[in-house]
Amino acid sequence: MPKVKPSAAEIRRRELSARIQYQMVRSGYDNRKMAEMMNISEKTFITKKLHEPDGFTISEIWNMEKAFGCKLSEPLGMEAGV
C-alpha cells in the first residue's frame, strides 16, 4: 500500500515541533524547565504541547521566543549570531 503524503497542516506541525526542540537544545532547556515556564506538568508539555503544537497558546509561543531569544518563525539555523 502506498504511503499517504502528509497534509500541509501536518507538515507545519512537525516543523514547529522541530523548531521548538532545536531551540530547547540550543538554549539548554529541558522538558521540565519548559513545563515550569508554562505552569503545566512535564507530561502535559510533552504529550499535549510538543507532539501537538496546535495546542500552544499565543502567549506560550511568545514566552518561548523570549526565553530562546529568537522568533520561532525564523528558518532553522538562520538565527542571529549563528
C-alpha atoms as a PDB file:
ATOM      1  CA  MET A   1       0.000   0.000   0.000  1.00  0.00           C
ATOM      2  CA  PRO A   2       1.456   3.407  -0.954  1.00  0.00           C
ATOM      3  CA  LYS A   3       2.360   5.961   1.689  1.00  0.00           C
ATOM      4  CA  VAL A   4      -0.008   8.861   2.088  1.00  0.00           C
ATOM      5  CA  LYS A   5       1.604  12.280   1.814  1.00  0.00           C
ATOM      6  CA  PRO A   6       1.296  14.339   4.995  1.00  0.00           C
ATOM      7  CA  SER A   7      -1.080  17.269   4.765  1.00  0.00           C
ATOM      8  CA  ALA A   8       0.178  20.848   4.746  1.00  0.00           C
ATOM      9  CA  ALA A   9      -1.115  21.262   8.313  1.00  0.00           C
ATOM     10  CA  GLU A  10       0.785  18.167   9.465  1.00  0.00           C
ATOM     11  CA  ILE A  11       3.984  19.432   7.840  1.00  0.00           C
ATOM     12  CA  ARG A  12       3.588  22.772   9.677  1.00  0.00           C
ATOM     13  CA  ARG A  13       3.002  20.940  12.984  1.00  0.00           C
ATOM     14  CA  ARG A  14       6.127  18.844  12.526  1.00  0.00           C
ATOM     15  CA  GLU A  15       8.167  21.893  11.560  1.00  0.00           C
ATOM     16  CA  LEU A  16       7.049  23.914  14.602  1.00  0.00           C
ATOM     17  CA  SER A  17       7.747  20.980  16.916  1.00  0.00           C
ATOM     18  CA  ALA A  18      11.212  20.594  15.373  1.00  0.00           C
ATOM     19  CA  ARG A  19      11.914  24.321  15.783  1.00  0.00           C
ATOM     20  CA  ILE A  20      10.923  24.203  19.448  1.00  0.00           C
ATOM     21  CA  GLN A  21      13.040  21.121  20.117  1.00  0.00           C
ATOM     22  CA  TYR A  22      16.010  22.658  18.271  1.00  0.00           C
ATOM     23  CA  GLN A  23      15.789  25.863  20.300  1.00  0.00           C
ATOM     24  CA  MET A  24      15.387  23.901  23.539  1.00  0.00           C
ATOM     25  CA  VAL A  25      18.666  22.077  22.886  1.00  0.00           C
ATOM     26  CA  ARG A  26      20.405  25.238  21.672  1.00  0.00           C
ATOM     27  CA  SER A  27      19.260  27.217  24.731  1.00  0.00           C
ATOM     28  CA  GLY A  28      19.828  24.490  27.313  1.00  0.00           C
ATOM     29  CA  TYR A  29      16.167  23.994  28.230  1.00  0.00           C
ATOM     30  CA  ASP A  30      14.821  20.559  29.043  1.00  0.00           C
ATOM     31  CA  ASN A  31      11.195  19.412  29.151  1.00  0.00           C
ATOM     32  CA  ARG A  32      10.964  20.104  32.887  1.00  0.00           C
ATOM     33  CA  LYS A  33      12.165  23.706  32.539  1.00  0.00           C
ATOM     34  CA  MET A  34       9.804  24.350  29.643  1.00  0.00           C
ATOM     35  CA  ALA A  35       6.863  22.912  31.583  1.00  0.00           C
ATOM     36  CA  GLU A  36       7.712  25.091  34.595  1.00  0.00           C
ATOM     37  CA  MET A  37       7.912  28.160  32.375  1.00  0.00           C
ATOM     38  CA  MET A  38       4.373  27.427  31.125  1.00  0.00           C
ATOM     39  CA  ASN A  39       2.992  26.366  34.528  1.00  0.00           C
ATOM     40  CA  ILE A  40       1.988  22.919  33.288  1.00  0.00           C
ATOM     41  CA  SER A  41       3.158  19.413  34.090  1.00  0.00           C
ATOM     42  CA  GLU A  42       6.073  17.903  32.197  1.00  0.00           C
ATOM     43  CA  LYS A  43       3.812  15.129  30.895  1.00  0.00           C
ATOM     44  CA  THR A  44       1.319  17.685  29.530  1.00  0.00           C
ATOM     45  CA  PHE A  45       4.130  19.618  27.864  1.00  0.00           C
ATOM     46  CA  ILE A  46       5.408  16.510  26.089  1.00  0.00           C
ATOM     47  CA  THR A  47       2.105  14.879  25.126  1.00  0.00           C
ATOM     48  CA  LYS A  48      -0.248  17.814  24.641  1.00  0.00           C
ATOM     49  CA  LYS A  49       2.059  20.603  23.544  1.00  0.00           C
ATOM     50  CA  LEU A  50       5.271  19.341  21.987  1.00  0.00           C
ATOM     51  CA  HIS A  51       3.718  16.499  19.996  1.00  0.00           C
ATOM     52  CA  GLU A  52       0.622  18.543  19.143  1.00  0.00           C
ATOM     53  CA  PRO A  53       1.908  22.128  18.759  1.00  0.00           C
ATOM     54  CA  ASP A  54      -1.551  23.378  17.747  1.00  0.00           C
ATOM     55  CA  GLY A  55      -2.250  23.351  21.491  1.00  0.00           C
ATOM     56  CA  PHE A  56       0.211  26.163  22.255  1.00  0.00           C
ATOM     57  CA  THR A  57      -1.375  29.481  23.091  1.00  0.00           C
ATOM     58  CA  ILE A  58      -0.008  32.683  21.592  1.00  0.00           C
ATOM     59  CA  SER A  59       1.324  33.746  24.995  1.00  0.00           C
ATOM     60  CA  GLU A  60       3.146  30.410  25.395  1.00  0.00           C
ATOM     61  CA  ILE A  61       4.789  30.865  21.995  1.00  0.00           C
ATOM     62  CA  TRP A  62       5.774  34.436  22.896  1.00  0.00           C
ATOM     63  CA  ASN A  63       7.257  33.212  26.203  1.00  0.00           C
ATOM     64  CA  MET A  64       9.269  30.564  24.354  1.00  0.00           C
ATOM     65  CA  GLU A  65      10.540  33.126  21.851  1.00  0.00           C
ATOM     66  CA  LYS A  66      11.568  35.407  24.714  1.00  0.00           C
ATOM     67  CA  ALA A  67      13.327  32.540  26.520  1.00  0.00           C
ATOM     68  CA  PHE A  68      15.060  31.351  23.342  1.00  0.00           C
ATOM     69  CA  GLY A  69      15.941  34.853  22.171  1.00  0.00           C
ATOM     70  CA  CYS A  70      14.604  34.258  18.664  1.00  0.00           C
ATOM     71  CA  LYS A  71      11.428  34.030  16.636  1.00  0.00           C
ATOM     72  CA  LEU A  72      10.105  30.521  16.082  1.00  0.00           C
ATOM     73  CA  SER A  73       9.144  31.587  12.559  1.00  0.00           C
ATOM     74  CA  GLU A  74      12.812  32.011  11.517  1.00  0.00           C
ATOM     75  CA  PRO A  75      14.255  29.225   9.362  1.00  0.00           C
ATOM     76  CA  LEU A  76      16.257  26.702  11.360  1.00  0.00           C
ATOM     77  CA  GLY A  77      19.902  27.620  11.619  1.00  0.00           C
ATOM     78  CA  MET A  78      19.300  31.201  10.475  1.00  0.00           C
ATOM     79  CA  GLU A  79      19.087  32.830  13.919  1.00  0.00           C
ATOM     80  CA  ALA A  80      21.157  35.928  14.568  1.00  0.00           C
ATOM     81  CA  GLY A  81      24.639  35.006  15.715  1.00  0.00           C
ATOM     82  CA  VAL A  82      24.669  31.507  14.210  1.00  0.00           C
END
